[in-house]
């Protein structure tokens, strides 16, 4: 299998995003206080209970512990949260609306997958006549901001294996366990194509079935009679969305409904044209 994988998020950086990424990564690395306060409160409470402390005192300790946890949680939110506020001109507002509409169309499909790797098939007889096989996992476009980011606009996100992509008005933020990266829309390629896929799972309700094949197939397209469990399998026409950048982003998505990604790709291309050019 050949991996279809992006570089670590912290290495996917464009020059216009460096200051923002420095702040996001600095705050992402800060330890949360509330788990430590919770453990300390539990130890104090259990120790006091084991020593026969009166019930009224235990109630006071429990209340103080709960209050400390709440205060620590609120302090964590302040310490770790980055605020991103946008003021958009008319052209940017219209293009952002198109991006959100395109992402909504992708969010409404019956099924979406992240394709992690693929391999060429050397004997198609045992793979229902398919020329390639893929390793894919279900994913979904959702309305969600990144963790610890407060913003005044609606953002969409999609999980792509070890990383999550968050689509903002000016860039894609890429989150993984190592940190945060970014790709400006000026450096993002969104390539949409259709793909025939031999579907051995349940066929999504909005998928287009274009034919049938067999689990074990002869060269003439008929079933191989040597196999008793040789069942008929649908062939679907899916849409594939490739997201790439010169800085290391390389992801492939598959969606069940044809035509669902056209608006999204068009909006990304429009954003790349209306975004102001960064001065050197």
C-alpha atoms as a PDB file:
ATOM      1  CA  UNK A   1       0.000   0.000   0.000  1.00  0.00           C
ATOM      2  CA  UNK A   2       1.205   3.524  -0.861  1.00  0.00           C
ATOM      3  CA  UNK A   3       0.340   6.112   1.785  1.00  0.00           C
ATOM      4  CA  UNK A   4      -1.547   9.266   0.836  1.00  0.00           C
ATOM      5  CA  UNK A   5      -0.432  11.366   3.747  1.00  0.00           C
ATOM      6  CA  UNK A   6       0.425  14.937   4.720  1.00  0.00           C
ATOM      7  CA  UNK A   7       3.564  16.062   6.498  1.00  0.00           C
ATOM      8  CA  UNK A   8       3.406  16.842  10.232  1.00  0.00           C
ATOM      9  CA  UNK A   9       1.139  19.812  10.834  1.00  0.00           C
ATOM     10  CA  UNK A  10       3.943  21.891  12.365  1.00  0.00           C
ATOM     11  CA  UNK A  11       5.933  21.695   9.102  1.00  0.00           C
ATOM     12  CA  UNK A  12       3.004  22.851   6.915  1.00  0.00           C
ATOM     13  CA  UNK A  13       3.477  26.604   7.194  1.00  0.00           C
ATOM     14  CA  UNK A  14       2.990  29.522   4.831  1.00  0.00           C
ATOM     15  CA  UNK A  15       4.657  32.850   5.521  1.00  0.00           C
ATOM     16  CA  UNK A  16       1.421  34.744   6.167  1.00  0.00           C
ATOM     17  CA  UNK A  17       0.434  32.349   8.971  1.00  0.00           C
ATOM     18  CA  UNK A  18       3.656  32.223  11.006  1.00  0.00           C
ATOM     19  CA  UNK A  19       2.651  34.660  13.769  1.00  0.00           C
ATOM     20  CA  UNK A  20      -0.762  33.035  14.188  1.00  0.00           C
ATOM     21  CA  UNK A  21       0.749  29.535  14.282  1.00  0.00           C
ATOM     22  CA  UNK A  22       3.306  30.603  16.876  1.00  0.00           C
ATOM     23  CA  UNK A  23       0.482  31.726  19.166  1.00  0.00           C
ATOM     24  CA  UNK A  24      -1.693  28.666  18.488  1.00  0.00           C
ATOM     25  CA  UNK A  25       1.156  26.229  19.115  1.00  0.00           C
ATOM     26  CA  UNK A  26       2.374  28.078  22.209  1.00  0.00           C
ATOM     27  CA  UNK A  27      -1.079  27.969  23.809  1.00  0.00           C
ATOM     28  CA  UNK A  28      -1.735  24.389  22.647  1.00  0.00           C
ATOM     29  CA  UNK A  29       1.355  23.222  24.568  1.00  0.00           C
ATOM     30  CA  UNK A  30       0.255  24.795  27.866  1.00  0.00           C
ATOM     31  CA  UNK A  31      -0.773  22.240  30.485  1.00  0.00           C
ATOM     32  CA  UNK A  32      -4.357  22.241  31.684  1.00  0.00           C
ATOM     33  CA  UNK A  33      -4.691  23.082  35.375  1.00  0.00           C
ATOM     34  CA  UNK A  34      -8.063  21.526  36.178  1.00  0.00           C
ATOM     35  CA  UNK A  35      -7.049  17.810  36.026  1.00  0.00           C
ATOM     36  CA  UNK A  36      -4.332  18.443  38.634  1.00  0.00           C
ATOM     37  CA  UNK A  37      -6.765  20.352  40.851  1.00  0.00           C
ATOM     38  CA  UNK A  38      -9.293  17.525  40.476  1.00  0.00           C
ATOM     39  CA  UNK A  39      -6.739  14.884  41.534  1.00  0.00           C
ATOM     40  CA  UNK A  40      -5.543  16.993  44.476  1.00  0.00           C
ATOM     41  CA  UNK A  41      -9.122  17.609  45.637  1.00  0.00           C
ATOM     42  CA  UNK A  42      -9.929  13.887  45.458  1.00  0.00           C
ATOM     43  CA  UNK A  43      -6.810  12.971  47.467  1.00  0.00           C
ATOM     44  CA  UNK A  44      -7.602  15.542  50.158  1.00  0.00           C
ATOM     45  CA  UNK A  45     -11.236  14.414  50.358  1.00  0.00           C
ATOM     46  CA  UNK A  46     -10.413  10.688  50.570  1.00  0.00           C
ATOM     47  CA  UNK A  47      -7.662  11.269  53.124  1.00  0.00           C
ATOM     48  CA  UNK A  48     -10.023  13.317  55.294  1.00  0.00           C
ATOM     49  CA  UNK A  49     -12.759  10.692  54.987  1.00  0.00           C
ATOM     50  CA  UNK A  50     -10.328   7.905  55.985  1.00  0.00           C
ATOM     51  CA  UNK A  51      -9.377   9.855  59.139  1.00  0.00           C
ATOM     52  CA  UNK A  52     -13.014  10.076  60.245  1.00  0.00           C
ATOM     53  CA  UNK A  53     -13.547  13.762  59.483  1.00  0.00           C
ATOM     54  CA  UNK A  54     -17.107  14.888  60.346  1.00  0.00           C
ATOM     55  CA  UNK A  55     -19.631  14.860  57.516  1.00  0.00           C
ATOM     56  CA  UNK A  56     -20.106  18.630  57.572  1.00  0.00           C
ATOM     57  CA  UNK A  57     -16.366  19.106  57.029  1.00  0.00           C
ATOM     58  CA  UNK A  58     -16.383  16.614  54.151  1.00  0.00           C
ATOM     59  CA  UNK A  59     -19.210  18.559  52.514  1.00  0.00           C
ATOM     60  CA  UNK A  60     -17.156  21.753  52.825  1.00  0.00           C
ATOM     61  CA  UNK A  61     -14.104  20.010  51.334  1.00  0.00           C
ATOM     62  CA  UNK A  62     -16.185  18.665  48.444  1.00  0.00           C
ATOM     63  CA  UNK A  63     -17.625  22.122  47.731  1.00  0.00           C
ATOM     64  CA  UNK A  64     -14.174  23.744  47.867  1.00  0.00           C
ATOM     65  CA  UNK A  65     -12.795  21.046  45.553  1.00  0.00           C
ATOM     66  CA  UNK A  66     -15.624  21.498  43.036  1.00  0.00           C
ATOM     67  CA  UNK A  67     -15.173  25.256  43.126  1.00  0.00           C
ATOM     68  CA  UNK A  68     -11.446  24.916  42.576  1.00  0.00           C
ATOM     69  CA  UNK A  69     -12.003  22.676  39.577  1.00  0.00           C
ATOM     70  CA  UNK A  70     -14.440  25.160  38.021  1.00  0.00           C
ATOM     71  CA  UNK A  71     -12.058  28.084  38.573  1.00  0.00           C
ATOM     72  CA  UNK A  72      -9.134  26.107  37.133  1.00  0.00           C
ATOM     73  CA  UNK A  73     -11.215  25.143  34.083  1.00  0.00           C
ATOM     74  CA  UNK A  74     -12.137  28.778  33.437  1.00  0.00           C
ATOM     75  CA  UNK A  75      -8.495  29.801  33.826  1.00  0.00           C
ATOM     76  CA  UNK A  76      -7.505  27.078  31.338  1.00  0.00           C
ATOM     77  CA  UNK A  77      -9.955  28.534  28.815  1.00  0.00           C
ATOM     78  CA  UNK A  78      -8.388  31.977  29.190  1.00  0.00           C
ATOM     79  CA  UNK A  79      -4.804  30.705  29.045  1.00  0.00           C
ATOM     80  CA  UNK A  80      -5.248  28.408  26.044  1.00  0.00           C
ATOM     81  CA  UNK A  81      -7.849  30.197  23.879  1.00  0.00           C
ATOM     82  CA  UNK A  82      -6.872  32.199  20.772  1.00  0.00           C
ATOM     83  CA  UNK A  83      -9.360  34.795  19.483  1.00  0.00           C
ATOM     84  CA  UNK A  84      -9.674  35.240  15.708  1.00  0.00           C
ATOM     85  CA  UNK A  85     -12.010  38.046  14.658  1.00  0.00           C
ATOM     86  CA  UNK A  86     -12.690  38.786  10.981  1.00  0.00           C
ATOM     87  CA  UNK A  87     -13.849  41.994   9.290  1.00  0.00           C
ATOM     88  CA  UNK A  88     -14.767  41.093   5.712  1.00  0.00           C
ATOM     89  CA  UNK A  89     -15.461  43.300   2.724  1.00  0.00           C
ATOM     90  CA  UNK A  90     -18.389  42.551   0.417  1.00  0.00           C
ATOM     91  CA  UNK A  91     -16.376  40.382  -1.998  1.00  0.00           C
ATOM     92  CA  UNK A  92     -14.931  38.309   0.847  1.00  0.00           C
ATOM     93  CA  UNK A  93     -18.367  37.911   2.463  1.00  0.00           C
ATOM     94  CA  UNK A  94     -19.847  36.566  -0.769  1.00  0.00           C
ATOM     95  CA  UNK A  95     -16.950  34.184  -1.324  1.00  0.00           C
ATOM     96  CA  UNK A  96     -17.072  32.976   2.279  1.00  0.00           C
ATOM     97  CA  UNK A  97     -20.783  32.281   1.889  1.00  0.00           C
ATOM     98  CA  UNK A  98     -19.951  30.228  -1.212  1.00  0.00           C
ATOM     99  CA  UNK A  99     -17.323  28.289   0.764  1.00  0.00           C
ATOM    100  CA  UNK A 100     -19.788  27.567   3.555  1.00  0.00           C
ATOM    101  CA  UNK A 101     -22.422  26.483   1.031  1.00  0.00           C
ATOM    102  CA  UNK A 102     -19.906  24.180  -0.638  1.00  0.00           C
ATOM    103  CA  UNK A 103     -18.848  22.685   2.694  1.00  0.00           C
ATOM    104  CA  UNK A 104     -22.528  22.249   3.640  1.00  0.00           C
ATOM    105  CA  UNK A 105     -23.082  20.295   0.421  1.00  0.00           C
ATOM    106  CA  UNK A 106     -20.214  17.981   1.377  1.00  0.00           C
ATOM    107  CA  UNK A 107     -21.586  17.690   4.916  1.00  0.00           C
ATOM    108  CA  UNK A 108     -24.951  16.550   3.534  1.00  0.00           C
ATOM    109  CA  UNK A 109     -23.684  13.533   1.557  1.00  0.00           C
ATOM    110  CA  UNK A 110     -24.746  10.101   2.775  1.00  0.00           C
ATOM    111  CA  UNK A 111     -21.152   8.899   3.102  1.00  0.00           C
ATOM    112  CA  UNK A 112     -17.645  10.343   2.989  1.00  0.00           C
ATOM    113  CA  UNK A 113     -14.322   8.601   3.444  1.00  0.00           C
ATOM    114  CA  UNK A 114     -10.717   9.597   4.036  1.00  0.00           C
ATOM    115  CA  UNK A 115      -8.456   7.516   1.780  1.00  0.00           C
ATOM    116  CA  UNK A 116      -5.237   6.775   3.666  1.00  0.00           C
ATOM    117  CA  UNK A 117      -3.454   4.585   1.106  1.00  0.00           C
ATOM    118  CA  UNK A 118      -3.886   2.714  -2.168  1.00  0.00           C
ATOM    119  CA  UNK A 119      -2.222  -0.137  -4.041  1.00  0.00           C
ATOM    120  CA  UNK A 120      -2.236  -1.506  -7.572  1.00  0.00           C
ATOM    121  CA  UNK A 121      -3.968  -4.856  -8.072  1.00  0.00           C
ATOM    122  CA  UNK A 122      -1.917  -7.431  -9.986  1.00  0.00           C
ATOM    123  CA  UNK A 123      -4.599 -10.131 -10.167  1.00  0.00           C
ATOM    124  CA  UNK A 124      -8.014  -8.521 -10.614  1.00  0.00           C
ATOM    125  CA  UNK A 125      -9.769 -11.904 -10.460  1.00  0.00           C
ATOM    126  CA  UNK A 126      -9.612 -11.844  -6.655  1.00  0.00           C
ATOM    127  CA  UNK A 127     -10.586  -8.168  -6.255  1.00  0.00           C
ATOM    128  CA  UNK A 128     -13.884  -8.028  -8.178  1.00  0.00           C
ATOM    129  CA  UNK A 129     -12.088  -6.711 -11.264  1.00  0.00           C
ATOM    130  CA  UNK A 130     -10.806  -3.581  -9.500  1.00  0.00           C
ATOM    131  CA  UNK A 131      -7.531  -2.092 -10.714  1.00  0.00           C
ATOM    132  CA  UNK A 132      -6.602  -0.650  -7.309  1.00  0.00           C
ATOM    133  CA  UNK A 133      -7.510  -1.253  -3.694  1.00  0.00           C
ATOM    134  CA  UNK A 134      -7.710   1.456  -1.031  1.00  0.00           C
ATOM    135  CA  UNK A 135      -7.565   1.757   2.729  1.00  0.00           C
ATOM    136  CA  UNK A 136     -10.311   4.193   3.702  1.00  0.00           C
ATOM    137  CA  UNK A 137     -12.174   5.242   6.846  1.00  0.00           C
ATOM    138  CA  UNK A 138     -15.464   7.110   7.302  1.00  0.00           C
ATOM    139  CA  UNK A 139     -15.242  10.830   7.902  1.00  0.00           C
ATOM    140  CA  UNK A 140     -17.612  13.809   7.773  1.00  0.00           C
ATOM    141  CA  UNK A 141     -17.626  17.559   7.205  1.00  0.00           C
ATOM    142  CA  UNK A 142     -18.991  19.242  10.337  1.00  0.00           C
ATOM    143  CA  UNK A 143     -19.574  22.777  11.585  1.00  0.00           C
ATOM    144  CA  UNK A 144     -16.966  23.137  14.318  1.00  0.00           C
ATOM    145  CA  UNK A 145     -14.159  25.540  15.297  1.00  0.00           C
ATOM    146  CA  UNK A 146     -10.769  24.179  16.332  1.00  0.00           C
ATOM    147  CA  UNK A 147     -10.248  23.497  20.048  1.00  0.00           C
ATOM    148  CA  UNK A 148      -9.539  26.644  22.070  1.00  0.00           C
ATOM    149  CA  UNK A 149     -10.240  29.020  19.169  1.00  0.00           C
ATOM    150  CA  UNK A 150     -12.944  31.654  19.469  1.00  0.00           C
ATOM    151  CA  UNK A 151     -14.062  33.324  16.247  1.00  0.00           C
ATOM    152  CA  UNK A 152     -16.927  35.410  14.880  1.00  0.00           C
ATOM    153  CA  UNK A 153     -17.448  33.314  11.732  1.00  0.00           C
ATOM    154  CA  UNK A 154     -18.721  29.798  11.079  1.00  0.00           C
ATOM    155  CA  UNK A 155     -16.035  27.257  10.223  1.00  0.00           C
ATOM    156  CA  UNK A 156     -16.163  23.716   8.856  1.00  0.00           C
ATOM    157  CA  UNK A 157     -13.854  20.843   9.747  1.00  0.00           C
ATOM    158  CA  UNK A 158     -13.081  17.384   8.385  1.00  0.00           C
ATOM    159  CA  UNK A 159     -10.976  14.638   9.949  1.00  0.00           C
ATOM    160  CA  UNK A 160      -8.331  13.128   7.657  1.00  0.00           C
ATOM    161  CA  UNK A 161      -6.771  10.357   9.714  1.00  0.00           C
ATOM    162  CA  UNK A 162      -4.223  11.738  12.178  1.00  0.00           C
ATOM    163  CA  UNK A 163      -5.091  15.320  11.248  1.00  0.00           C
ATOM    164  CA  UNK A 164      -8.140  17.580  11.189  1.00  0.00           C
ATOM    165  CA  UNK A 165      -8.582  20.360   8.641  1.00  0.00           C
ATOM    166  CA  UNK A 166     -10.419  23.543   9.700  1.00  0.00           C
ATOM    167  CA  UNK A 167     -11.528  25.896   6.908  1.00  0.00           C
ATOM    168  CA  UNK A 168     -11.337  29.611   7.784  1.00  0.00           C
ATOM    169  CA  UNK A 169     -11.965  32.617   5.497  1.00  0.00           C
ATOM    170  CA  UNK A 170      -8.263  33.030   4.637  1.00  0.00           C
ATOM    171  CA  UNK A 171      -6.596  29.680   5.274  1.00  0.00           C
ATOM    172  CA  UNK A 172      -6.888  26.054   6.302  1.00  0.00           C
ATOM    173  CA  UNK A 173      -5.656  25.300   9.821  1.00  0.00           C
ATOM    174  CA  UNK A 174      -4.270  21.772  10.198  1.00  0.00           C
ATOM    175  CA  UNK A 175      -4.343  20.177  13.644  1.00  0.00           C
ATOM    176  CA  UNK A 176      -2.585  17.008  14.747  1.00  0.00           C
ATOM    177  CA  UNK A 177      -1.011  15.697  17.949  1.00  0.00           C
ATOM    178  CA  UNK A 178       2.241  17.542  17.225  1.00  0.00           C
ATOM    179  CA  UNK A 179       0.746  20.988  16.783  1.00  0.00           C
ATOM    180  CA  UNK A 180      -0.923  23.291  14.261  1.00  0.00           C
ATOM    181  CA  UNK A 181      -0.034  24.101  10.658  1.00  0.00           C
ATOM    182  CA  UNK A 182      -1.654  26.259   7.983  1.00  0.00           C
ATOM    183  CA  UNK A 183      -2.090  26.580   4.230  1.00  0.00           C
ATOM    184  CA  UNK A 184      -3.271  29.807   2.613  1.00  0.00           C
ATOM    185  CA  UNK A 185      -5.915  29.360  -0.065  1.00  0.00           C
ATOM    186  CA  UNK A 186      -3.435  30.876  -2.504  1.00  0.00           C
ATOM    187  CA  UNK A 187      -1.299  27.773  -2.012  1.00  0.00           C
ATOM    188  CA  UNK A 188      -4.077  25.178  -1.823  1.00  0.00           C
ATOM    189  CA  UNK A 189      -5.030  22.925  -4.729  1.00  0.00           C
ATOM    190  CA  UNK A 190      -8.467  21.277  -4.678  1.00  0.00           C
ATOM    191  CA  UNK A 191      -8.789  18.679  -7.435  1.00  0.00           C
ATOM    192  CA  UNK A 192     -12.198  17.054  -8.017  1.00  0.00           C
ATOM    193  CA  UNK A 193     -12.678  13.950 -10.145  1.00  0.00           C
ATOM    194  CA  UNK A 194     -15.102  11.040 -10.515  1.00  0.00           C
ATOM    195  CA  UNK A 195     -14.056   7.474  -9.747  1.00  0.00           C
ATOM    196  CA  UNK A 196     -15.590   4.074 -10.304  1.00  0.00           C
ATOM    197  CA  UNK A 197     -15.520   2.086  -7.093  1.00  0.00           C
ATOM    198  CA  UNK A 198     -16.403  -1.545  -6.429  1.00  0.00           C
ATOM    199  CA  UNK A 199     -18.465  -1.137  -3.247  1.00  0.00           C
ATOM    200  CA  UNK A 200     -18.283  -4.143  -0.946  1.00  0.00           C
ATOM    201  CA  UNK A 201     -19.968  -2.276   1.919  1.00  0.00           C
ATOM    202  CA  UNK A 202     -23.528  -0.928   2.018  1.00  0.00           C
ATOM    203  CA  UNK A 203     -24.277   1.379  -0.912  1.00  0.00           C
ATOM    204  CA  UNK A 204     -25.009   4.967   0.283  1.00  0.00           C
ATOM    205  CA  UNK A 205     -28.504   6.200  -0.541  1.00  0.00           C
ATOM    206  CA  UNK A 206     -27.258   9.054  -2.773  1.00  0.00           C
ATOM    207  CA  UNK A 207     -24.660   7.012  -4.662  1.00  0.00           C
ATOM    208  CA  UNK A 208     -24.956   6.370  -8.395  1.00  0.00           C
ATOM    209  CA  UNK A 209     -24.731   2.655  -9.211  1.00  0.00           C
ATOM    210  CA  UNK A 210     -23.376   2.271 -12.743  1.00  0.00           C
ATOM    211  CA  UNK A 211     -22.959  -1.491 -12.981  1.00  0.00           C
ATOM    212  CA  UNK A 212     -22.427  -4.851 -11.327  1.00  0.00           C
ATOM    213  CA  UNK A 213     -19.504  -7.210 -10.983  1.00  0.00           C
ATOM    214  CA  UNK A 214     -18.611 -10.361  -9.031  1.00  0.00           C
ATOM    215  CA  UNK A 215     -16.477 -10.929  -5.967  1.00  0.00           C
ATOM    216  CA  UNK A 216     -14.379 -13.321  -8.053  1.00  0.00           C
ATOM    217  CA  UNK A 217     -14.569 -12.365 -11.700  1.00  0.00           C
ATOM    218  CA  UNK A 218     -13.317 -13.904 -14.947  1.00  0.00           C
ATOM    219  CA  UNK A 219     -11.583 -11.887 -17.656  1.00  0.00           C
ATOM    220  CA  UNK A 220     -14.831 -11.802 -19.650  1.00  0.00           C
ATOM    221  CA  UNK A 221     -16.642 -10.156 -16.724  1.00  0.00           C
ATOM    222  CA  UNK A 222     -18.592 -13.246 -15.693  1.00  0.00           C
ATOM    223  CA  UNK A 223     -18.496 -14.971 -12.294  1.00  0.00           C
ATOM    224  CA  UNK A 224     -15.770 -17.495 -11.505  1.00  0.00           C
ATOM    225  CA  UNK A 225     -17.803 -20.660 -10.861  1.00  0.00           C
ATOM    226  CA  UNK A 226     -15.049 -22.247  -8.767  1.00  0.00           C
ATOM    227  CA  UNK A 227     -16.062 -20.101  -5.760  1.00  0.00           C
ATOM    228  CA  UNK A 228     -19.332 -20.972  -4.013  1.00  0.00           C
ATOM    229  CA  UNK A 229     -19.531 -17.666  -2.093  1.00  0.00           C
ATOM    230  CA  UNK A 230     -19.139 -15.589  -5.266  1.00  0.00           C
ATOM    231  CA  UNK A 231     -21.674 -12.813  -4.753  1.00  0.00           C
ATOM    232  CA  UNK A 232     -22.645  -9.943  -7.054  1.00  0.00           C
ATOM    233  CA  UNK A 233     -21.224  -6.531  -6.092  1.00  0.00           C
ATOM    234  CA  UNK A 234     -22.368  -3.046  -7.183  1.00  0.00           C
ATOM    235  CA  UNK A 235     -20.030  -0.653  -8.979  1.00  0.00           C
ATOM    236  CA  UNK A 236     -20.595   2.966  -7.872  1.00  0.00           C
ATOM    237  CA  UNK A 237     -19.529   6.269  -9.368  1.00  0.00           C
ATOM    238  CA  UNK A 238     -18.088   8.343  -6.527  1.00  0.00           C
ATOM    239  CA  UNK A 239     -16.437  11.745  -6.381  1.00  0.00           C
ATOM    240  CA  UNK A 240     -12.876  12.192  -5.141  1.00  0.00           C
ATOM    241  CA  UNK A 241     -11.490  15.411  -3.649  1.00  0.00           C
ATOM    242  CA  UNK A 242      -7.706  15.804  -3.464  1.00  0.00           C
ATOM    243  CA  UNK A 243      -6.296  18.553  -1.207  1.00  0.00           C
ATOM    244  CA  UNK A 244      -2.658  19.421  -1.850  1.00  0.00           C
ATOM    245  CA  UNK A 245      -0.102  22.137  -1.250  1.00  0.00           C
ATOM    246  CA  UNK A 246       3.586  22.613  -2.013  1.00  0.00           C
ATOM    247  CA  UNK A 247       4.211  22.868   1.736  1.00  0.00           C
ATOM    248  CA  UNK A 248       3.205  19.264   2.475  1.00  0.00           C
ATOM    249  CA  UNK A 249      -0.571  18.922   2.589  1.00  0.00           C
ATOM    250  CA  UNK A 250      -1.654  15.767   0.729  1.00  0.00           C
ATOM    251  CA  UNK A 251      -5.090  14.312   1.502  1.00  0.00           C
ATOM    252  CA  UNK A 252      -7.692  12.412  -0.514  1.00  0.00           C
ATOM    253  CA  UNK A 253     -11.410  12.307   0.276  1.00  0.00           C
ATOM    254  CA  UNK A 254     -14.107  10.203  -1.358  1.00  0.00           C
ATOM    255  CA  UNK A 255     -17.768  11.257  -1.269  1.00  0.00           C
ATOM    256  CA  UNK A 256     -20.827   9.297  -2.298  1.00  0.00           C
ATOM    257  CA  UNK A 257     -22.799  11.926  -4.243  1.00  0.00           C
ATOM    258  CA  UNK A 258     -21.610  13.097  -7.644  1.00  0.00           C
ATOM    259  CA  UNK A 259     -21.442  16.873  -8.016  1.00  0.00           C
ATOM    260  CA  UNK A 260     -21.287  17.578  -4.282  1.00  0.00           C
ATOM    261  CA  UNK A 261     -17.716  18.936  -4.297  1.00  0.00           C
ATOM    262  CA  UNK A 262     -17.933  21.334  -7.256  1.00  0.00           C
ATOM    263  CA  UNK A 263     -19.138  24.336  -5.233  1.00  0.00           C
ATOM    264  CA  UNK A 264     -16.523  23.752  -2.529  1.00  0.00           C
ATOM    265  CA  UNK A 265     -13.643  23.592  -5.028  1.00  0.00           C
ATOM    266  CA  UNK A 266     -14.949  26.658  -6.888  1.00  0.00           C
ATOM    267  CA  UNK A 267     -15.164  28.678  -3.647  1.00  0.00           C
ATOM    268  CA  UNK A 268     -11.575  27.772  -2.703  1.00  0.00           C
ATOM    269  CA  UNK A 269     -10.405  28.934  -6.126  1.00  0.00           C
ATOM    270  CA  UNK A 270     -12.361  32.203  -5.759  1.00  0.00           C
ATOM    271  CA  UNK A 271     -10.873  32.787  -2.312  1.00  0.00           C
ATOM    272  CA  UNK A 272      -7.381  32.384  -3.727  1.00  0.00           C
ATOM    273  CA  UNK A 273      -8.155  35.246  -6.128  1.00  0.00           C
ATOM    274  CA  UNK A 274      -9.831  37.701  -3.733  1.00  0.00           C
ATOM    275  CA  UNK A 275      -7.397  37.301  -0.833  1.00  0.00           C
ATOM    276  CA  UNK A 276      -4.907  40.178  -0.650  1.00  0.00           C
ATOM    277  CA  UNK A 277      -1.351  39.387  -1.720  1.00  0.00           C
ATOM    278  CA  UNK A 278       1.165  39.300   1.120  1.00  0.00           C
ATOM    279  CA  UNK A 279       3.940  41.876   0.810  1.00  0.00           C
ATOM    280  CA  UNK A 280       7.523  40.549   1.125  1.00  0.00           C
END
